[in-house]
Amino acid sequence: MTLLWVPPGTFLMGSSKTPGTPGYDREAYDAEKPAHPVTLTQGFYIAQHPVTNAAYQRYVRATGAPEPAAWQNRRFNDPAQPVVTVS
């Protein structure tokens, strides 16, 4: 897995339903509003690509961690899809 460094800084988080404004998204949910600046004071590493179900299954087998409940749903259990319902 390749990890990328994300330096500290400020970014716009959230959405707006007003055309022409920062963060405009006509399909934005109310919980995404308002668009607002967020400052991260510390950097962090993040995976370059999403973790797939296949990769997460290797982790489950190696550690005995429980399988995600979403693997019982055909919409979410393809090996090439990103794993969901885990943190």
C-alpha atoms as a PDB file:
ATOM      1  CA  MET A   1       0.000   0.000   0.000  1.00  0.00           C
ATOM      2  CA  THR A   2       1.360   3.384  -0.978  1.00  0.00           C
ATOM      3  CA  LEU A   3       0.814   6.160   1.549  1.00  0.00           C
ATOM      4  CA  LEU A   4       0.815   9.832   0.627  1.00  0.00           C
ATOM      5  CA  TRP A   5       1.662  12.713   2.944  1.00  0.00           C
ATOM      6  CA  VAL A   6      -1.037  15.390   3.296  1.00  0.00           C
ATOM      7  CA  PRO A   7       0.527  18.512   4.785  1.00  0.00           C
ATOM      8  CA  PRO A   8      -1.267  20.774   7.251  1.00  0.00           C
ATOM      9  CA  GLY A   9      -3.316  23.535   5.685  1.00  0.00           C
ATOM     10  CA  THR A  10      -6.740  24.982   5.057  1.00  0.00           C
ATOM     11  CA  PHE A  11      -9.408  23.564   2.745  1.00  0.00           C
ATOM     12  CA  LEU A  12     -13.085  24.140   2.003  1.00  0.00           C
ATOM     13  CA  MET A  13     -15.334  21.522   3.601  1.00  0.00           C
ATOM     14  CA  GLY A  14     -19.016  21.160   2.831  1.00  0.00           C
ATOM     15  CA  SER A  15     -21.308  22.207   0.029  1.00  0.00           C
ATOM     16  CA  SER A  16     -23.574  24.973  -1.167  1.00  0.00           C
ATOM     17  CA  LYS A  17     -26.730  24.753  -3.266  1.00  0.00           C
ATOM     18  CA  THR A  18     -26.268  28.314  -4.527  1.00  0.00           C
ATOM     19  CA  PRO A  19     -24.883  28.391  -8.096  1.00  0.00           C
ATOM     20  CA  GLY A  20     -21.632  30.314  -8.422  1.00  0.00           C
ATOM     21  CA  THR A  21     -20.638  29.946  -4.766  1.00  0.00           C
ATOM     22  CA  PRO A  22     -17.660  27.940  -3.472  1.00  0.00           C
ATOM     23  CA  GLY A  23     -18.553  24.302  -2.948  1.00  0.00           C
ATOM     24  CA  TYR A  24     -21.611  24.466  -5.227  1.00  0.00           C
ATOM     25  CA  ASP A  25     -23.341  21.092  -5.590  1.00  0.00           C
ATOM     26  CA  ARG A  26     -26.948  21.114  -6.763  1.00  0.00           C
ATOM     27  CA  GLU A  27     -27.446  17.673  -5.154  1.00  0.00           C
ATOM     28  CA  ALA A  28     -25.899  18.559  -1.788  1.00  0.00           C
ATOM     29  CA  TYR A  29     -27.616  17.244   1.331  1.00  0.00           C
ATOM     30  CA  ASP A  30     -28.589  19.687   4.057  1.00  0.00           C
ATOM     31  CA  ALA A  31     -26.089  18.008   6.412  1.00  0.00           C
ATOM     32  CA  GLU A  32     -23.271  19.049   4.038  1.00  0.00           C
ATOM     33  CA  LYS A  33     -24.035  22.754   4.345  1.00  0.00           C
ATOM     34  CA  PRO A  34     -22.632  25.294   4.685  1.00  0.00           C
ATOM     35  CA  ALA A  35     -19.328  25.176   2.862  1.00  0.00           C
ATOM     36  CA  HIS A  36     -16.738  26.483   5.314  1.00  0.00           C
ATOM     37  CA  PRO A  37     -12.957  26.638   5.689  1.00  0.00           C
ATOM     38  CA  VAL A  38     -11.278  24.038   7.902  1.00  0.00           C
ATOM     39  CA  THR A  39      -7.665  24.234   9.022  1.00  0.00           C
ATOM     40  CA  LEU A  40      -5.663  21.116   9.842  1.00  0.00           C
ATOM     41  CA  THR A  41      -2.744  21.947  12.107  1.00  0.00           C
ATOM     42  CA  GLN A  42      -1.033  18.573  11.663  1.00  0.00           C
ATOM     43  CA  GLY A  43      -0.335  16.626   8.498  1.00  0.00           C
ATOM     44  CA  PHE A  44      -1.229  12.960   8.051  1.00  0.00           C
ATOM     45  CA  TYR A  45      -0.711   9.990   5.751  1.00  0.00           C
ATOM     46  CA  ILE A  46      -3.500   8.554   3.602  1.00  0.00           C
ATOM     47  CA  ALA A  47      -3.590   5.580   1.249  1.00  0.00           C
ATOM     48  CA  GLN A  48      -3.126   6.483  -2.400  1.00  0.00           C
ATOM     49  CA  HIS A  49      -6.010   4.189  -3.388  1.00  0.00           C
ATOM     50  CA  PRO A  50      -9.080   2.974  -1.476  1.00  0.00           C
ATOM     51  CA  VAL A  51      -8.746  -0.312   0.398  1.00  0.00           C
ATOM     52  CA  THR A  52     -10.597  -2.984  -1.589  1.00  0.00           C
ATOM     53  CA  ASN A  53     -12.713  -5.783  -0.182  1.00  0.00           C
ATOM     54  CA  ALA A  54     -10.028  -8.222  -1.358  1.00  0.00           C
ATOM     55  CA  ALA A  55      -7.286  -6.379   0.543  1.00  0.00           C
ATOM     56  CA  TYR A  56      -9.473  -6.057   3.629  1.00  0.00           C
ATOM     57  CA  GLN A  57     -10.265  -9.766   3.477  1.00  0.00           C
ATOM     58  CA  ARG A  58      -6.525 -10.488   3.700  1.00  0.00           C
ATOM     59  CA  TYR A  59      -6.467  -8.333   6.849  1.00  0.00           C
ATOM     60  CA  VAL A  60      -9.492 -10.180   8.292  1.00  0.00           C
ATOM     61  CA  ARG A  61      -7.850 -13.554   7.670  1.00  0.00           C
ATOM     62  CA  ALA A  62      -4.509 -12.454   9.143  1.00  0.00           C
ATOM     63  CA  THR A  63      -5.926 -10.839  12.286  1.00  0.00           C
ATOM     64  CA  GLY A  64      -9.251 -12.550  12.966  1.00  0.00           C
ATOM     65  CA  ALA A  65     -11.038  -9.198  12.781  1.00  0.00           C
ATOM     66  CA  PRO A  66     -14.780  -9.476  12.084  1.00  0.00           C
ATOM     67  CA  GLU A  67     -15.998  -9.263   8.501  1.00  0.00           C
ATOM     68  CA  PRO A  68     -17.921  -6.085   7.647  1.00  0.00           C
ATOM     69  CA  ALA A  69     -21.695  -6.580   7.684  1.00  0.00           C
ATOM     70  CA  ALA A  70     -21.819  -5.048   4.186  1.00  0.00           C
ATOM     71  CA  TRP A  71     -20.209  -8.196   2.775  1.00  0.00           C
ATOM     72  CA  GLN A  72     -23.620  -9.860   3.083  1.00  0.00           C
ATOM     73  CA  ASN A  73     -25.008  -7.356   0.558  1.00  0.00           C
ATOM     74  CA  ARG A  74     -24.262  -8.057  -3.134  1.00  0.00           C
ATOM     75  CA  ARG A  75     -24.106  -4.312  -3.819  1.00  0.00           C
ATOM     76  CA  PHE A  76     -21.031  -3.943  -1.608  1.00  0.00           C
ATOM     77  CA  ASN A  77     -19.114  -7.239  -1.643  1.00  0.00           C
ATOM     78  CA  ASP A  78     -17.328  -7.379  -4.994  1.00  0.00           C
ATOM     79  CA  PRO A  79     -13.624  -8.036  -4.301  1.00  0.00           C
ATOM     80  CA  ALA A  80     -12.545  -5.039  -6.410  1.00  0.00           C
ATOM     81  CA  GLN A  81     -14.884  -2.554  -4.683  1.00  0.00           C
ATOM     82  CA  PRO A  82     -13.687  -0.331  -1.846  1.00  0.00           C
ATOM     83  CA  VAL A  83     -14.512  -1.810   1.547  1.00  0.00           C
ATOM     84  CA  VAL A  84     -17.380  -0.030   3.333  1.00  0.00           C
ATOM     85  CA  THR A  85     -18.789   0.063   6.896  1.00  0.00           C
ATOM     86  CA  VAL A  86     -15.368  -0.128   8.535  1.00  0.00           C
ATOM     87  CA  SER A  87     -13.347   2.481  10.361  1.00  0.00           C
END
